[in-house]
């Protein structure tokens, strides 16, 4: 981590200290207060799933263990930049983070494998995937892996100009997350990692000619006003996870750990249901607004998906051969 990043985190720590009074002002002798941040603003679709989780926890605590636990939502990237939030959780600046794996694959490259999962979150927990990921998170980022709030929403390629096949993307600049870089490089496109708030301007000014983003979620950012085409098929799965600082987790009584875990599983089911419904609604909304859908021919579509999968697995297995191979075995089939 460079000096600039460290400085930003220290500034964030001071800000949070003021907001929560270094926890002592809000935490009684028997009450545990967990400070949580999210990678995106509260208004974004994915964060609304996390807020539902917080509501469910609050309701369950009030019913079963009144006054013993509070999750205090501190805000989104305006509190701590999204790519620095996992590091902040590692150091205990915050206790809980809701983020995407693409924002911390630099320290945990094997997490990119979760974009290729064929399982629902509750199936992963049953198969032991969560336990395996928790062990890695403990070791690498000092965090407890609480779960994957999967929505069933895949990544989709949105464009300002049409294509007939993936090869037509050669030379085009496409906004993406680090997860999508291997695929874009493989087909000759130019990946551009741009923060979400800056994407609209980049599309409007032609700095990039497209963006890879979870299916149907471009309206949250107003990108539907500058996007003209949507490419079918979609690929990968948008992976959002909830992490808890390991030291904080170990201080939480077992009964409350169980409550947080059981509530997470309930929230996962709700998130998937909500995500699948939203994709249908947003597809209809995009068509109504004049955005055109480009359905690649069967052969081109198969090559497109094969290239996305193979390019990402190649990177994962190179950077993390042992953990990557284990995850590939665990998540590829039900």
Protein backbone atom coordinates (compact mmCIF):
# COMPACT_ATOMS: atom_id res chain seq x y z
CA UNK A 1 0.00 0.00 0.00
CA UNK A 2 1.43 3.44 -0.98
CA UNK A 3 1.73 6.47 1.29
CA UNK A 4 -1.24 8.16 -0.32
CA UNK A 5 -3.52 5.21 0.42
CA UNK A 6 -2.28 5.01 3.99
CA UNK A 7 -2.93 8.71 4.43
CA UNK A 8 -6.47 8.38 3.12
CA UNK A 9 -7.18 5.52 5.48
CA UNK A 10 -5.77 7.49 8.43
CA UNK A 11 -7.99 10.42 7.50
CA UNK A 12 -10.93 8.03 7.28
CA UNK A 13 -10.05 6.67 10.72
CA UNK A 14 -10.17 10.16 12.19
CA UNK A 15 -13.52 10.79 10.47
CA UNK A 16 -14.96 7.57 11.80
CA UNK A 17 -13.60 8.30 15.24
CA UNK A 18 -15.52 11.57 15.27
CA UNK A 19 -18.67 9.91 13.94
CA UNK A 20 -18.74 7.11 16.47
CA UNK A 21 -16.86 8.71 19.34
CA UNK A 22 -14.25 5.98 19.15
CA UNK A 23 -17.13 3.53 19.85
CA UNK A 24 -17.20 4.32 23.59
CA UNK A 25 -20.03 6.79 23.13
CA UNK A 26 -22.31 4.24 21.49
CA UNK A 27 -21.16 0.99 23.01
CA UNK A 28 -22.33 0.07 26.45
CA UNK A 29 -20.72 -2.49 28.71
CA UNK A 30 -22.81 -5.38 27.34
CA UNK A 31 -23.59 -4.05 23.86
CA UNK A 32 -21.55 -4.86 20.77
CA UNK A 33 -21.53 -2.20 18.07
CA UNK A 34 -20.31 -3.13 14.59
CA UNK A 35 -19.31 -0.29 12.27
CA UNK A 36 -20.17 -1.13 8.64
CA UNK A 37 -19.35 0.46 5.28
CA UNK A 38 -20.34 -0.39 1.71
CA UNK A 39 -18.45 -0.19 -1.57
CA UNK A 40 -21.22 1.88 -3.18
CA UNK A 41 -23.74 4.49 -2.02
CA UNK A 42 -26.81 3.44 -0.09
CA UNK A 43 -29.10 4.13 -3.08
CA UNK A 44 -27.46 1.50 -5.33
CA UNK A 45 -29.37 -1.75 -5.97
CA UNK A 46 -26.75 -4.08 -4.48
CA UNK A 47 -26.39 -2.00 -1.32
CA UNK A 48 -30.14 -2.14 -0.81
CA UNK A 49 -29.72 -5.92 -0.41
CA UNK A 50 -27.16 -5.30 2.33
CA UNK A 51 -29.45 -2.77 4.01
CA UNK A 52 -32.17 -5.43 4.04
CA UNK A 53 -29.70 -7.72 5.82
CA UNK A 54 -29.08 -5.04 8.44
CA UNK A 55 -32.84 -4.65 8.94
CA UNK A 56 -33.27 -8.41 9.38
CA UNK A 57 -30.45 -8.50 11.94
CA UNK A 58 -31.98 -5.58 13.83
CA UNK A 59 -35.38 -7.29 13.94
CA UNK A 60 -33.92 -10.61 15.08
CA UNK A 61 -31.74 -9.01 17.75
CA UNK A 62 -34.69 -7.01 19.10
CA UNK A 63 -36.71 -10.22 19.38
CA UNK A 64 -34.06 -12.60 20.73
CA UNK A 65 -31.26 -10.54 22.33
CA UNK A 66 -32.54 -6.98 22.85
CA UNK A 67 -29.84 -4.37 23.38
CA UNK A 68 -26.92 -6.76 22.83
CA UNK A 69 -25.91 -6.00 19.21
CA UNK A 70 -26.07 -3.10 16.79
CA UNK A 71 -24.71 -2.81 13.26
CA UNK A 72 -24.10 0.89 12.69
CA UNK A 73 -24.01 1.83 9.01
CA UNK A 74 -21.34 4.50 8.52
CA UNK A 75 -21.77 5.07 4.77
CA UNK A 76 -20.24 4.16 1.42
CA UNK A 77 -17.16 5.24 -0.55
CA UNK A 78 -17.55 8.78 0.73
CA UNK A 79 -16.38 7.44 4.11
CA UNK A 80 -13.60 5.18 2.82
CA UNK A 81 -12.77 4.70 -0.91
CA UNK A 82 -14.17 1.35 -2.07
CA UNK A 83 -10.80 -0.12 -3.02
CA UNK A 84 -9.44 0.62 0.46
CA UNK A 85 -12.32 -0.75 2.52
CA UNK A 86 -11.04 -4.32 2.89
CA UNK A 87 -7.69 -2.95 4.07
CA UNK A 88 -9.61 -0.78 6.54
CA UNK A 89 -11.42 -3.90 7.80
CA UNK A 90 -8.11 -5.75 8.06
CA UNK A 91 -6.76 -2.99 10.33
CA UNK A 92 -9.94 -2.63 12.38
CA UNK A 93 -10.75 0.87 11.15
CA UNK A 94 -14.19 -0.55 10.36
CA UNK A 95 -15.71 -3.84 11.51
CA UNK A 96 -17.82 -4.90 8.55
CA UNK A 97 -17.53 -4.37 4.79
CA UNK A 98 -19.98 -5.08 1.99
CA UNK A 99 -17.98 -5.11 -1.23
CA UNK A 100 -17.20 -6.93 -4.45
CA UNK A 101 -14.29 -9.34 -4.84
CA UNK A 102 -12.93 -7.29 -7.74
CA UNK A 103 -11.89 -4.59 -5.27
CA UNK A 104 -9.43 -6.80 -3.37
CA UNK A 105 -8.21 -9.46 -5.81
CA UNK A 106 -4.78 -7.85 -5.68
CA UNK A 107 -4.33 -9.46 -2.25
CA UNK A 108 -6.62 -12.46 -2.82
CA UNK A 109 -6.48 -13.44 -6.52
CA UNK A 110 -8.33 -16.71 -5.85
CA UNK A 111 -11.50 -14.72 -5.09
CA UNK A 112 -11.94 -14.07 -8.81
CA UNK A 113 -12.98 -17.73 -9.01
CA UNK A 114 -16.25 -16.83 -7.33
CA UNK A 115 -17.27 -14.92 -10.46
CA UNK A 116 -17.35 -18.33 -12.14
CA UNK A 117 -19.44 -20.13 -9.53
CA UNK A 118 -22.24 -22.43 -10.65
CA UNK A 119 -23.75 -22.53 -7.16
CA UNK A 120 -26.10 -20.39 -5.15
CA UNK A 121 -24.64 -18.89 -1.93
CA UNK A 122 -26.44 -21.35 0.36
CA UNK A 123 -25.18 -24.26 -1.76
CA UNK A 124 -21.64 -22.95 -1.37
CA UNK A 125 -22.05 -22.89 2.39
CA UNK A 126 -23.36 -26.47 2.38
CA UNK A 127 -20.47 -27.72 0.20
CA UNK A 128 -17.85 -26.17 2.45
CA UNK A 129 -16.90 -23.33 0.09
CA UNK A 130 -17.58 -20.69 2.74
CA UNK A 131 -15.43 -22.50 5.30
CA UNK A 132 -12.58 -22.73 2.78
CA UNK A 133 -12.88 -19.05 1.84
CA UNK A 134 -13.07 -18.08 5.49
CA UNK A 135 -9.75 -19.78 6.18
CA UNK A 136 -8.11 -17.83 3.34
CA UNK A 137 -9.65 -14.53 4.49
CA UNK A 138 -8.45 -15.16 8.05
CA UNK A 139 -4.90 -15.61 6.80
CA UNK A 140 -4.68 -12.93 4.13
CA UNK A 141 -6.88 -10.04 5.21
CA UNK A 142 -7.61 -10.71 8.91
CA UNK A 143 -11.32 -10.99 8.15
CA UNK A 144 -14.13 -13.44 8.74
CA UNK A 145 -15.98 -14.41 5.55
CA UNK A 146 -19.61 -14.06 6.59
CA UNK A 147 -21.08 -14.92 3.21
CA UNK A 148 -21.72 -14.08 -0.41
CA UNK A 149 -24.77 -11.97 -1.02
CA UNK A 150 -25.19 -13.36 -4.51
CA UNK A 151 -27.95 -11.88 -6.60
CA UNK A 152 -27.84 -14.25 -9.56
CA UNK A 153 -27.01 -11.23 -11.70
CA UNK A 154 -24.31 -11.80 -14.34
CA UNK A 155 -21.97 -9.23 -15.86
CA UNK A 156 -23.09 -7.67 -19.12
CA UNK A 157 -21.31 -5.71 -21.82
CA UNK A 158 -22.91 -2.35 -22.66
CA UNK A 159 -21.77 -0.38 -25.72
CA UNK A 160 -22.17 2.94 -27.47
CA UNK A 161 -21.53 1.34 -30.90
CA UNK A 162 -22.72 -2.08 -32.14
CA UNK A 163 -20.70 -5.27 -32.75
CA UNK A 164 -21.37 -8.56 -34.54
CA UNK A 165 -18.78 -10.63 -32.67
CA UNK A 166 -16.30 -10.23 -29.83
CA UNK A 167 -13.48 -9.64 -32.32
CA UNK A 168 -15.15 -6.33 -33.25
CA UNK A 169 -14.13 -5.04 -29.82
CA UNK A 170 -10.47 -5.03 -30.82
CA UNK A 171 -8.95 -1.65 -30.03
CA UNK A 172 -12.03 -0.34 -28.24
CA UNK A 173 -11.68 1.09 -24.75
CA UNK A 174 -14.04 -0.62 -22.32
CA UNK A 175 -14.57 0.34 -18.69
CA UNK A 176 -14.29 -2.72 -16.47
CA UNK A 177 -13.31 -4.06 -13.07
CA UNK A 178 -9.98 -5.89 -12.63
CA UNK A 179 -11.87 -9.19 -13.01
CA UNK A 180 -12.68 -8.44 -16.65
CA UNK A 181 -9.20 -7.35 -17.71
CA UNK A 182 -7.93 -10.81 -18.82
CA UNK A 183 -10.89 -11.35 -21.17
CA UNK A 184 -10.70 -7.88 -22.72
CA UNK A 185 -6.98 -8.25 -23.30
CA UNK A 186 -7.51 -11.68 -24.88
CA UNK A 187 -9.85 -10.23 -27.52
CA UNK A 188 -7.68 -7.16 -28.11
CA UNK A 189 -9.86 -4.57 -26.37
CA UNK A 190 -8.36 -1.94 -24.07
CA UNK A 191 -9.55 -2.31 -20.47
CA UNK A 192 -10.04 0.88 -18.48
CA UNK A 193 -10.61 0.71 -14.72
CA UNK A 194 -12.67 3.82 -13.93
CA UNK A 195 -14.57 4.54 -10.67
CA UNK A 196 -18.36 4.25 -11.19
CA UNK A 197 -19.08 7.95 -10.52
CA UNK A 198 -16.79 8.88 -13.44
CA UNK A 199 -18.17 6.39 -15.98
CA UNK A 200 -21.04 8.57 -17.27
CA UNK A 201 -18.66 11.34 -18.32
CA UNK A 202 -16.25 8.82 -19.85
CA UNK A 203 -19.05 7.33 -21.98
CA UNK A 204 -20.52 10.71 -22.88
CA UNK A 205 -17.16 12.09 -24.04
CA UNK A 206 -16.11 8.93 -25.86
CA UNK A 207 -13.21 8.23 -23.51
CA UNK A 208 -14.55 4.67 -23.43
CA UNK A 209 -16.90 2.96 -25.85
CA UNK A 210 -18.56 0.66 -23.39
CA UNK A 211 -18.76 -0.67 -19.87
CA UNK A 212 -18.97 -4.09 -18.23
CA UNK A 213 -21.42 -3.99 -15.33
CA UNK A 214 -23.97 -6.27 -13.64
CA UNK A 215 -27.01 -6.90 -15.83
CA UNK A 216 -29.74 -4.29 -15.63
CA UNK A 217 -28.04 -2.07 -13.08
CA UNK A 218 -26.97 0.81 -15.31
CA UNK A 219 -29.99 2.92 -14.33
CA UNK A 220 -28.61 3.42 -10.81
CA UNK A 221 -25.83 5.50 -12.34
CA UNK A 222 -27.76 7.16 -15.21
CA UNK A 223 -25.69 5.34 -17.84
CA UNK A 224 -28.84 4.35 -19.75
CA UNK A 225 -28.81 7.88 -21.18
CA UNK A 226 -25.52 7.25 -23.02
CA UNK A 227 -25.59 3.47 -23.58
CA UNK A 228 -27.06 2.34 -26.92
CA UNK A 229 -26.49 -1.43 -27.01
CA UNK A 230 -26.51 -4.46 -24.72
CA UNK A 231 -24.61 -7.61 -25.72
CA UNK A 232 -26.13 -11.05 -25.14
CA UNK A 233 -24.87 -13.41 -23.70
CA UNK A 234 -23.91 -12.18 -20.28
CA UNK A 235 -21.08 -13.85 -18.36
CA UNK A 236 -19.60 -14.48 -14.89
CA UNK A 237 -21.64 -13.52 -11.84
CA UNK A 238 -21.49 -10.27 -9.94
CA UNK A 239 -20.06 -11.30 -6.55
CA UNK A 240 -20.72 -9.21 -3.46
CA UNK A 241 -19.47 -10.39 -0.08
CA UNK A 242 -19.76 -9.43 3.57
CA UNK A 243 -16.54 -9.46 5.59
CA UNK A 244 -16.02 -8.84 9.30
CA UNK A 245 -12.75 -7.89 10.97
CA UNK A 246 -11.51 -11.15 12.52
CA UNK A 247 -10.68 -9.62 15.90
CA UNK A 248 -14.16 -8.13 16.07
CA UNK A 249 -15.75 -11.43 15.06
CA UNK A 250 -13.88 -13.35 17.74
CA UNK A 251 -15.20 -10.97 20.39
CA UNK A 252 -18.82 -11.56 19.39
CA UNK A 253 -20.60 -14.17 21.56
CA UNK A 254 -21.38 -17.45 19.80
CA UNK A 255 -25.12 -16.88 20.01
CA UNK A 256 -24.75 -13.58 18.11
CA UNK A 257 -22.33 -15.09 15.59
CA UNK A 258 -24.99 -17.70 14.90
CA UNK A 259 -27.63 -14.99 14.53
CA UNK A 260 -25.50 -13.06 12.02
CA UNK A 261 -24.81 -16.22 9.99
CA UNK A 262 -28.40 -17.49 9.94
CA UNK A 263 -29.68 -14.06 8.98
CA UNK A 264 -27.11 -13.88 6.18
CA UNK A 265 -28.49 -17.08 4.66
CA UNK A 266 -32.01 -15.65 4.74
CA UNK A 267 -30.79 -12.42 3.15
CA UNK A 268 -29.01 -14.41 0.42
CA UNK A 269 -32.28 -16.02 -0.68
CA UNK A 270 -33.99 -12.64 -0.75
CA UNK A 271 -31.12 -11.08 -2.73
CA UNK A 272 -31.25 -13.78 -5.42
CA UNK A 273 -35.02 -13.50 -5.75
CA UNK A 274 -34.80 -9.73 -5.94
CA UNK A 275 -31.94 -9.85 -8.44
CA UNK A 276 -33.67 -12.20 -10.87
CA UNK A 277 -36.86 -10.14 -10.77
CA UNK A 278 -34.91 -6.95 -11.30
CA UNK A 279 -33.17 -8.29 -14.43
CA UNK A 280 -36.54 -8.91 -16.08
CA UNK A 281 -37.83 -5.48 -15.13
CA UNK A 282 -34.69 -3.65 -16.24
CA UNK A 283 -34.49 -5.49 -19.57
CA UNK A 284 -38.03 -4.33 -20.36
CA UNK A 285 -37.13 -0.81 -19.22
CA UNK A 286 -34.05 -0.70 -21.49
CA UNK A 287 -36.01 -1.91 -24.50
CA UNK A 288 -38.68 0.69 -23.86
CA UNK A 289 -36.05 3.43 -23.70
CA UNK A 290 -34.65 2.44 -27.10
CA UNK A 291 -31.54 0.53 -26.04
CA UNK A 292 -30.99 -2.29 -28.53
CA UNK A 293 -30.03 -5.86 -27.62
CA UNK A 294 -27.32 -7.53 -29.70
CA UNK A 295 -27.78 -11.29 -29.57
CA UNK A 296 -24.61 -12.95 -30.81
CA UNK A 297 -25.08 -15.95 -33.16
CA UNK A 298 -24.79 -19.36 -31.38
CA UNK A 299 -21.20 -20.05 -32.44
CA UNK A 300 -20.02 -16.53 -31.63
CA UNK A 301 -21.91 -16.60 -28.32
CA UNK A 302 -20.28 -19.88 -27.29
CA UNK A 303 -16.81 -18.55 -28.13
CA UNK A 304 -17.59 -15.35 -26.24
CA UNK A 305 -18.48 -17.23 -23.03
CA UNK A 306 -15.65 -19.75 -23.45
CA UNK A 307 -13.16 -16.90 -23.80
CA UNK A 308 -14.47 -15.12 -20.71
CA UNK A 309 -14.23 -18.26 -18.59
CA UNK A 310 -10.90 -19.60 -19.86
CA UNK A 311 -9.13 -16.24 -19.67
CA UNK A 312 -10.14 -15.72 -16.04
CA UNK A 313 -9.33 -19.28 -14.93
CA UNK A 314 -5.90 -18.96 -16.54
CA UNK A 315 -5.10 -15.91 -14.42
CA UNK A 316 -6.53 -17.40 -11.21
CA UNK A 317 -4.61 -20.67 -11.57
CA UNK A 318 -1.39 -18.83 -12.38
CA UNK A 319 -1.60 -16.48 -9.40
CA UNK A 320 -3.05 -18.96 -6.92
CA UNK A 321 -2.55 -22.50 -8.28
CA UNK A 322 -3.47 -24.42 -5.13
CA UNK A 323 -6.43 -22.40 -3.89
CA UNK A 324 -7.61 -21.71 -7.44
CA UNK A 325 -7.67 -25.41 -8.34
CA UNK A 326 -9.51 -26.24 -5.12
CA UNK A 327 -12.15 -23.61 -5.78
CA UNK A 328 -12.56 -24.70 -9.39
CA UNK A 329 -13.32 -28.21 -8.18
CA UNK A 330 -15.76 -26.98 -5.53
CA UNK A 331 -17.82 -24.47 -7.51
CA UNK A 332 -17.89 -25.87 -11.04
CA UNK A 333 -20.64 -28.46 -10.49
CA UNK A 334 -23.48 -28.95 -8.04
